[in-house]
Amino acid sequence: MQQPAQTLKNNTNLSEVKSLNSKDKLHCPKCTSTIVKTYYEPQCLQCGYVDYSSELDKIESPGSTVVGSATRYMVRYKGHSENFKDKLTHVKVVRIKNRIVFDVNCPFCDLSMEQTSLSGKRKDLKEERFKCDQGHRVSLVPTKKNGIAWR
C-alpha cells in the first residue's frame, strides 16, 4: 500500500525536506541521499525519487534561430582563378526589416559590401551579387552540399 503524496516515509512533508547545509541542498525523503537537479525535475540518483513540487525553469536558447545565432561563416572561393583559391570571405546572416539577408565582408579590402542586383541575363542561377565601396564585386552562389561559396 502506498502512502499519500504529501506524507513521506519518515513522517515529514516536502517543505521539511531541505537540509541544514548552507548550499540549500535537498535530501531525498526515502533514502536521505542528496537530490540532484536533472534536466527536468530534481531527482534522487539512488532510489529514483522525483520532486514534482518545484517549478520548471524555462531555458531560452540563444541560437534558436538563424538570425539569433549570430554566426559568422567563412566562405571559400569557387571559381576559375587559381589566384583566389585560398581567399576567404566572412558572411553573416542579418535581419533587415522583414527580410533575412547576408552581410558580406569584401575578401580583398575587408570592408562591408552592399547587395546589388543581377543583370537579369542568367535567371536560372541562384546567385546574390555584392559590391564594396572600392569597386570589388563578389557573387555568393549555392554549393552542392547546401552551403555557399563566392566567386
N, C-alpha and C. Protein backbone atom coordinates (compact mmCIF):
# COMPACT_ATOMS: atom_id res chain seq x y z
N MET A 1 0.83 -1.18 0.00
CA MET A 1 0.00 0.00 0.00
C MET A 1 0.88 1.25 0.00
N GLN A 2 0.58 2.18 -0.89
CA GLN A 2 1.36 3.40 -0.97
C GLN A 2 0.86 4.45 0.00
N GLN A 3 1.78 5.31 0.41
CA GLN A 3 1.43 6.39 1.31
C GLN A 3 0.88 7.58 0.52
N PRO A 4 0.12 8.47 1.16
CA PRO A 4 -0.35 9.66 0.45
C PRO A 4 0.81 10.50 -0.05
N ALA A 5 0.55 11.31 -1.07
CA ALA A 5 1.60 12.07 -1.73
C ALA A 5 2.26 13.08 -0.81
N GLN A 6 1.53 13.71 0.09
CA GLN A 6 2.10 14.76 0.92
C GLN A 6 2.80 14.21 2.16
N THR A 7 2.46 13.01 2.62
CA THR A 7 3.09 12.44 3.79
C THR A 7 4.19 11.50 3.32
N LEU A 8 5.41 11.77 3.75
CA LEU A 8 6.55 10.99 3.29
C LEU A 8 6.85 9.86 4.25
N LYS A 9 7.81 9.01 3.91
CA LYS A 9 8.11 7.79 4.63
C LYS A 9 8.53 8.04 6.08
N ASN A 10 9.31 9.10 6.31
CA ASN A 10 9.79 9.36 7.66
C ASN A 10 8.98 10.47 8.34
N ASN A 11 7.66 10.55 8.04
CA ASN A 11 6.72 11.48 8.65
C ASN A 11 7.13 12.95 8.51
N THR A 12 7.64 13.32 7.34
CA THR A 12 7.97 14.71 7.06
C THR A 12 7.21 15.15 5.82
N ASN A 13 7.07 16.43 5.65
CA ASN A 13 6.45 16.99 4.45
C ASN A 13 7.54 17.42 3.48
N LEU A 14 7.15 17.70 2.25
CA LEU A 14 8.12 18.14 1.26
C LEU A 14 8.79 19.44 1.68
N SER A 15 8.09 20.30 2.36
CA SER A 15 8.68 21.57 2.79
C SER A 15 9.73 21.37 3.88
N GLU A 16 9.71 20.23 4.58
CA GLU A 16 10.67 19.96 5.64
C GLU A 16 11.88 19.18 5.16
N VAL A 17 11.94 18.87 3.89
CA VAL A 17 12.99 18.00 3.38
C VAL A 17 14.30 18.74 3.19
N LYS A 18 14.28 20.07 3.14
CA LYS A 18 15.51 20.83 2.91
C LYS A 18 16.53 20.52 3.99
N SER A 19 17.77 20.44 3.57
CA SER A 19 18.84 20.13 4.51
C SER A 19 19.29 21.39 5.24
N LEU A 20 20.16 21.20 6.22
CA LEU A 20 20.67 22.32 7.00
C LEU A 20 21.96 22.87 6.42
N ASN A 21 22.38 22.39 5.25
CA ASN A 21 23.60 22.89 4.63
C ASN A 21 23.42 24.33 4.16
N SER A 22 24.53 25.04 4.07
CA SER A 22 24.46 26.42 3.60
C SER A 22 24.20 26.48 2.09
N LYS A 23 24.43 25.41 1.39
CA LYS A 23 24.22 25.38 -0.06
C LYS A 23 22.76 25.13 -0.42
N ASP A 24 21.91 24.92 0.56
CA ASP A 24 20.47 24.74 0.36
C ASP A 24 20.17 23.52 -0.52
N LYS A 25 20.84 22.40 -0.26
CA LYS A 25 20.61 21.16 -0.99
C LYS A 25 19.39 20.45 -0.44
N LEU A 26 18.75 19.67 -1.28
CA LEU A 26 17.61 18.85 -0.85
C LEU A 26 18.09 17.43 -0.57
N HIS A 27 17.46 16.81 0.41
CA HIS A 27 17.74 15.41 0.71
C HIS A 27 16.50 14.59 0.37
N CYS A 28 16.74 13.41 -0.12
CA CYS A 28 15.65 12.51 -0.50
C CYS A 28 14.89 12.07 0.74
N PRO A 29 13.55 12.13 0.71
CA PRO A 29 12.77 11.69 1.86
C PRO A 29 12.74 10.17 2.02
N LYS A 30 13.08 9.43 0.96
CA LYS A 30 13.06 7.97 1.04
C LYS A 30 14.37 7.41 1.58
N CYS A 31 15.50 7.88 1.01
CA CYS A 31 16.78 7.26 1.37
C CYS A 31 17.78 8.27 1.96
N THR A 32 17.39 9.51 2.15
CA THR A 32 18.20 10.61 2.69
C THR A 32 19.47 10.90 1.90
N SER A 33 19.52 10.49 0.64
CA SER A 33 20.62 10.84 -0.24
C SER A 33 20.38 12.25 -0.81
N THR A 34 21.38 12.84 -1.39
CA THR A 34 21.24 14.18 -1.94
C THR A 34 20.44 14.14 -3.24
N ILE A 35 19.52 15.07 -3.38
CA ILE A 35 18.72 15.18 -4.60
C ILE A 35 19.46 16.09 -5.58
N VAL A 36 19.58 15.64 -6.81
CA VAL A 36 20.30 16.37 -7.84
C VAL A 36 19.29 16.94 -8.82
N LYS A 37 19.50 18.20 -9.24
CA LYS A 37 18.60 18.79 -10.23
C LYS A 37 18.99 18.29 -11.61
N THR A 38 18.11 17.50 -12.21
CA THR A 38 18.36 16.97 -13.55
C THR A 38 17.80 17.95 -14.57
N TYR A 39 17.71 17.53 -15.81
CA TYR A 39 17.24 18.41 -16.88
C TYR A 39 15.81 18.88 -16.63
N TYR A 40 14.99 18.04 -16.06
CA TYR A 40 13.59 18.41 -15.85
C TYR A 40 13.31 18.75 -14.39
N GLU A 41 13.32 17.76 -13.51
CA GLU A 41 12.98 17.97 -12.11
C GLU A 41 14.12 17.49 -11.22
N PRO A 42 14.15 17.96 -9.96
CA PRO A 42 15.12 17.42 -9.01
C PRO A 42 14.83 15.94 -8.75
N GLN A 43 15.88 15.12 -8.77
CA GLN A 43 15.70 13.68 -8.68
C GLN A 43 16.81 13.06 -7.83
N CYS A 44 16.44 12.04 -7.07
CA CYS A 44 17.41 11.27 -6.30
C CYS A 44 18.03 10.22 -7.23
N LEU A 45 19.34 10.22 -7.30
CA LEU A 45 20.00 9.26 -8.19
C LEU A 45 20.12 7.87 -7.56
N GLN A 46 19.90 7.76 -6.25
CA GLN A 46 19.99 6.48 -5.57
C GLN A 46 18.73 5.65 -5.73
N CYS A 47 17.57 6.27 -5.41
CA CYS A 47 16.33 5.48 -5.41
C CYS A 47 15.34 5.90 -6.49
N GLY A 48 15.59 7.03 -7.17
CA GLY A 48 14.71 7.44 -8.25
C GLY A 48 13.60 8.38 -7.86
N TYR A 49 13.56 8.82 -6.60
CA TYR A 49 12.52 9.75 -6.15
C TYR A 49 12.63 11.07 -6.93
N VAL A 50 11.49 11.59 -7.37
CA VAL A 50 11.46 12.84 -8.12
C VAL A 50 10.61 13.85 -7.37
N ASP A 51 11.14 15.07 -7.21
CA ASP A 51 10.42 16.15 -6.53
C ASP A 51 9.64 16.94 -7.58
N TYR A 52 8.34 16.63 -7.70
CA TYR A 52 7.49 17.29 -8.69
C TYR A 52 6.96 18.64 -8.20
N SER A 53 7.24 19.01 -6.97
CA SER A 53 6.69 20.25 -6.45
C SER A 53 7.45 21.49 -6.94
N SER A 54 8.67 21.34 -7.42
CA SER A 54 9.42 22.51 -7.89
C SER A 54 9.00 22.86 -9.31
N GLU A 55 9.02 24.17 -9.59
CA GLU A 55 8.63 24.63 -10.93
C GLU A 55 9.79 24.47 -11.89
N LEU A 56 9.48 24.18 -13.14
CA LEU A 56 10.50 24.03 -14.16
C LEU A 56 10.98 25.40 -14.61
N ASP A 57 12.29 25.53 -14.80
CA ASP A 57 12.85 26.77 -15.33
C ASP A 57 12.83 26.69 -16.85
N LYS A 58 12.28 27.72 -17.49
CA LYS A 58 12.25 27.74 -18.94
C LYS A 58 13.60 28.22 -19.44
N ILE A 59 14.21 27.44 -20.30
CA ILE A 59 15.54 27.73 -20.81
C ILE A 59 15.40 28.32 -22.22
N GLU A 60 15.90 29.52 -22.40
CA GLU A 60 15.89 30.15 -23.71
C GLU A 60 17.22 29.85 -24.40
N SER A 61 17.16 29.35 -25.59
CA SER A 61 18.36 29.06 -26.35
C SER A 61 18.76 30.29 -27.14
N PRO A 62 20.00 30.79 -26.99
CA PRO A 62 20.38 32.00 -27.71
C PRO A 62 20.50 31.78 -29.21
N GLY A 63 20.77 30.55 -29.63
CA GLY A 63 20.92 30.29 -31.04
C GLY A 63 19.76 29.54 -31.62
N SER A 64 18.53 29.88 -31.23
CA SER A 64 17.39 29.10 -31.65
C SER A 64 16.95 29.44 -33.07
N THR A 65 17.36 30.59 -33.60
CA THR A 65 17.01 30.94 -34.96
C THR A 65 18.28 31.19 -35.75
N VAL A 66 18.14 31.25 -37.05
CA VAL A 66 19.30 31.51 -37.90
C VAL A 66 19.85 32.89 -37.62
N VAL A 67 18.96 33.87 -37.44
CA VAL A 67 19.40 35.24 -37.21
C VAL A 67 19.93 35.39 -35.79
N GLY A 68 19.31 34.74 -34.82
CA GLY A 68 19.72 34.89 -33.43
C GLY A 68 21.03 34.21 -33.09
N SER A 69 21.49 33.32 -33.93
CA SER A 69 22.72 32.60 -33.62
C SER A 69 23.96 33.47 -33.80
N ALA A 70 23.86 34.54 -34.59
CA ALA A 70 24.97 35.48 -34.83
C ALA A 70 26.22 34.74 -35.31
N THR A 71 26.05 33.78 -36.15
CA THR A 71 27.16 33.01 -36.66
C THR A 71 27.77 33.72 -37.86
N ARG A 72 29.09 33.84 -37.86
CA ARG A 72 29.80 34.42 -38.99
C ARG A 72 30.46 33.26 -39.73
N TYR A 73 30.09 33.09 -40.99
CA TYR A 73 30.59 31.98 -41.79
C TYR A 73 31.83 32.41 -42.56
N MET A 74 32.77 31.49 -42.70
CA MET A 74 33.93 31.72 -43.56
C MET A 74 33.63 30.99 -44.87
N VAL A 75 33.54 31.75 -45.95
CA VAL A 75 33.11 31.20 -47.23
C VAL A 75 34.30 31.11 -48.17
N ARG A 76 34.44 29.98 -48.81
CA ARG A 76 35.56 29.73 -49.74
C ARG A 76 35.24 30.19 -51.15
N TYR A 77 36.30 30.40 -51.91
CA TYR A 77 36.17 30.80 -53.31
C TYR A 77 35.85 29.59 -54.16
N LYS A 78 34.91 29.76 -55.09
CA LYS A 78 34.56 28.70 -56.03
C LYS A 78 34.49 29.34 -57.41
N GLY A 79 35.59 29.28 -58.11
CA GLY A 79 35.65 29.90 -59.42
C GLY A 79 36.80 29.33 -60.23
N HIS A 80 37.16 30.04 -61.29
CA HIS A 80 38.17 29.54 -62.22
C HIS A 80 39.56 30.07 -61.94
N SER A 81 39.71 31.13 -61.18
CA SER A 81 41.01 31.75 -60.95
C SER A 81 41.79 31.02 -59.87
N GLU A 82 43.02 30.66 -60.17
CA GLU A 82 43.89 29.99 -59.20
C GLU A 82 44.41 30.98 -58.16
N ASN A 83 44.44 32.27 -58.48
CA ASN A 83 44.95 33.28 -57.54
C ASN A 83 44.05 33.44 -56.31
N PHE A 84 42.76 33.14 -56.43
CA PHE A 84 41.82 33.37 -55.34
C PHE A 84 41.45 32.10 -54.58
N LYS A 85 42.06 30.96 -54.90
CA LYS A 85 41.63 29.71 -54.30
C LYS A 85 41.82 29.66 -52.79
N ASP A 86 42.75 30.45 -52.24
CA ASP A 86 42.98 30.47 -50.80
C ASP A 86 42.32 31.67 -50.12
N LYS A 87 41.57 32.47 -50.86
CA LYS A 87 40.90 33.65 -50.31
C LYS A 87 39.59 33.24 -49.66
N LEU A 88 39.36 33.75 -48.46
CA LEU A 88 38.11 33.51 -47.75
C LEU A 88 37.41 34.85 -47.54
N THR A 89 36.09 34.80 -47.42
CA THR A 89 35.33 35.98 -47.04
C THR A 89 34.41 35.61 -45.89
N HIS A 90 34.07 36.61 -45.08
CA HIS A 90 33.20 36.39 -43.93
C HIS A 90 31.79 36.82 -44.28
N VAL A 91 30.82 35.94 -43.97
CA VAL A 91 29.42 36.20 -44.27
C VAL A 91 28.62 35.97 -42.99
N LYS A 92 27.71 36.90 -42.70
CA LYS A 92 26.84 36.79 -41.52
C LYS A 92 25.40 36.96 -41.98
N VAL A 93 24.47 36.24 -41.35
CA VAL A 93 23.05 36.36 -41.66
C VAL A 93 22.47 37.43 -40.74
N VAL A 94 21.84 38.46 -41.33
CA VAL A 94 21.25 39.55 -40.54
C VAL A 94 19.82 39.79 -41.01
N ARG A 95 19.06 40.47 -40.15
CA ARG A 95 17.67 40.81 -40.47
C ARG A 95 17.59 42.29 -40.80
N ILE A 96 16.99 42.61 -41.92
CA ILE A 96 16.68 43.99 -42.30
C ILE A 96 15.18 44.06 -42.50
N LYS A 97 14.51 44.75 -41.58
CA LYS A 97 13.05 44.83 -41.53
C LYS A 97 12.46 43.44 -41.50
N ASN A 98 11.77 43.01 -42.54
CA ASN A 98 11.15 41.68 -42.53
C ASN A 98 11.90 40.68 -43.40
N ARG A 99 13.13 41.01 -43.82
CA ARG A 99 13.90 40.12 -44.69
C ARG A 99 15.16 39.63 -43.98
N ILE A 100 15.61 38.49 -44.37
CA ILE A 100 16.88 37.96 -43.88
C ILE A 100 17.86 37.99 -45.04
N VAL A 101 18.98 38.71 -44.84
CA VAL A 101 19.96 38.91 -45.92
C VAL A 101 21.35 38.58 -45.40
N PHE A 102 22.31 38.54 -46.31
CA PHE A 102 23.70 38.28 -45.98
C PHE A 102 24.43 39.59 -45.76
N ASP A 103 25.28 39.64 -44.74
CA ASP A 103 26.20 40.75 -44.52
C ASP A 103 27.58 40.21 -44.90
N VAL A 104 28.11 40.68 -46.03
CA VAL A 104 29.34 40.13 -46.60
C VAL A 104 30.47 41.11 -46.41
N ASN A 105 31.64 40.61 -45.98
CA ASN A 105 32.85 41.41 -45.95
C ASN A 105 33.64 41.13 -47.21
N CYS A 106 34.20 42.19 -47.79
CA CYS A 106 34.97 42.05 -49.03
C CYS A 106 36.21 41.19 -48.77
N PRO A 107 36.48 40.18 -49.60
CA PRO A 107 37.66 39.33 -49.39
C PRO A 107 38.97 40.04 -49.72
N PHE A 108 38.90 41.19 -50.39
CA PHE A 108 40.11 41.91 -50.80
C PHE A 108 40.48 43.04 -49.86
N CYS A 109 39.47 43.86 -49.43
CA CYS A 109 39.75 45.01 -48.57
C CYS A 109 39.08 44.91 -47.20
N ASP A 110 38.32 43.87 -46.94
CA ASP A 110 37.65 43.60 -45.67
C ASP A 110 36.62 44.65 -45.28
N LEU A 111 36.12 45.43 -46.24
CA LEU A 111 35.04 46.38 -45.99
C LEU A 111 33.70 45.68 -46.14
N SER A 112 32.67 46.27 -45.56
CA SER A 112 31.33 45.71 -45.70
C SER A 112 30.83 45.95 -47.13
N MET A 113 30.08 45.00 -47.65
CA MET A 113 29.60 45.08 -49.03
C MET A 113 28.10 45.28 -49.05
N GLU A 114 27.60 45.97 -50.08
CA GLU A 114 26.17 46.17 -50.28
C GLU A 114 25.69 45.24 -51.37
N GLN A 115 24.46 44.78 -51.24
CA GLN A 115 23.89 43.88 -52.23
C GLN A 115 23.45 44.70 -53.44
N THR A 116 23.79 44.20 -54.62
CA THR A 116 23.37 44.85 -55.86
C THR A 116 22.53 43.87 -56.65
N SER A 117 21.88 44.37 -57.68
CA SER A 117 21.02 43.50 -58.48
C SER A 117 21.82 42.80 -59.57
N LEU A 118 21.30 41.68 -60.02
CA LEU A 118 21.92 40.95 -61.11
C LEU A 118 21.52 41.59 -62.44
N SER A 119 22.22 41.25 -63.47
CA SER A 119 21.92 41.83 -64.77
C SER A 119 20.61 41.30 -65.36
N GLY A 120 20.15 40.16 -64.91
CA GLY A 120 18.89 39.60 -65.40
C GLY A 120 19.07 38.64 -66.55
N LYS A 121 20.30 38.44 -67.01
CA LYS A 121 20.53 37.55 -68.15
C LYS A 121 20.55 36.08 -67.74
N ARG A 122 20.91 35.81 -66.50
CA ARG A 122 21.02 34.41 -66.05
C ARG A 122 20.09 34.19 -64.86
N LYS A 123 18.80 34.14 -65.11
CA LYS A 123 17.83 34.00 -64.03
C LYS A 123 17.78 32.59 -63.46
N ASP A 124 18.32 31.61 -64.16
CA ASP A 124 18.30 30.24 -63.67
C ASP A 124 19.28 30.02 -62.52
N LEU A 125 20.33 30.83 -62.46
CA LEU A 125 21.34 30.68 -61.42
C LEU A 125 20.92 31.47 -60.18
N LYS A 126 20.88 30.81 -59.03
CA LYS A 126 20.51 31.49 -57.79
C LYS A 126 21.76 32.07 -57.16
N GLU A 127 22.08 33.28 -57.56
CA GLU A 127 23.27 33.93 -57.03
C GLU A 127 22.90 35.32 -56.53
N GLU A 128 23.63 35.77 -55.54
CA GLU A 128 23.43 37.11 -54.99
C GLU A 128 24.72 37.88 -55.14
N ARG A 129 24.63 39.08 -55.71
CA ARG A 129 25.82 39.86 -56.02
C ARG A 129 25.98 40.99 -55.01
N PHE A 130 27.25 41.25 -54.62
CA PHE A 130 27.59 42.28 -53.66
C PHE A 130 28.73 43.13 -54.19
N LYS A 131 28.78 44.40 -53.77
CA LYS A 131 29.81 45.33 -54.22
C LYS A 131 30.25 46.19 -53.03
N CYS A 132 31.58 46.41 -52.89
CA CYS A 132 32.09 47.25 -51.81
C CYS A 132 32.34 48.66 -52.34
N ASP A 133 32.72 49.59 -51.47
CA ASP A 133 32.95 50.98 -51.86
C ASP A 133 34.15 51.15 -52.78
N GLN A 134 35.09 50.22 -52.75
CA GLN A 134 36.26 50.31 -53.61
C GLN A 134 36.04 49.67 -54.98
N GLY A 135 34.85 49.15 -55.22
CA GLY A 135 34.52 48.61 -56.54
C GLY A 135 34.69 47.11 -56.70
N HIS A 136 35.10 46.41 -55.65
CA HIS A 136 35.22 44.95 -55.76
C HIS A 136 33.84 44.34 -55.81
N ARG A 137 33.67 43.34 -56.66
CA ARG A 137 32.38 42.65 -56.78
C ARG A 137 32.54 41.19 -56.41
N VAL A 138 31.56 40.68 -55.66
CA VAL A 138 31.56 39.29 -55.21
C VAL A 138 30.16 38.74 -55.41
N SER A 139 30.08 37.51 -55.89
CA SER A 139 28.79 36.83 -56.00
C SER A 139 28.78 35.64 -55.06
N LEU A 140 27.70 35.50 -54.29
CA LEU A 140 27.51 34.31 -53.46
C LEU A 140 26.67 33.32 -54.23
N VAL A 141 27.17 32.10 -54.37
CA VAL A 141 26.48 31.07 -55.13
C VAL A 141 26.29 29.84 -54.24
N PRO A 142 25.19 29.11 -54.45
CA PRO A 142 24.99 27.89 -53.65
C PRO A 142 25.92 26.78 -54.10
N THR A 143 26.30 25.92 -53.14
CA THR A 143 27.12 24.76 -53.47
C THR A 143 26.25 23.52 -53.47
N LYS A 144 26.81 22.41 -53.86
CA LYS A 144 26.05 21.16 -53.96
C LYS A 144 25.63 20.62 -52.60
N LYS A 145 26.40 20.92 -51.56
CA LYS A 145 26.10 20.38 -50.23
C LYS A 145 25.35 21.39 -49.37
N ASN A 146 24.43 22.15 -49.96
CA ASN A 146 23.58 23.12 -49.27
C ASN A 146 24.38 24.20 -48.54
N GLY A 147 25.52 24.56 -49.06
CA GLY A 147 26.33 25.64 -48.49
C GLY A 147 26.38 26.80 -49.48
N ILE A 148 27.30 27.72 -49.21
CA ILE A 148 27.50 28.83 -50.13
C ILE A 148 28.99 29.00 -50.39
N ALA A 149 29.30 29.56 -51.53
CA ALA A 149 30.68 29.87 -51.91
C ALA A 149 30.64 31.23 -52.60
N TRP A 150 31.81 31.83 -52.80
CA TRP A 150 31.84 33.11 -53.50
C TRP A 150 32.69 32.98 -54.76
N ARG A 151 32.41 33.87 -55.71
CA ARG A 151 33.24 33.97 -56.90
C ARG A 151 33.18 35.37 -57.44
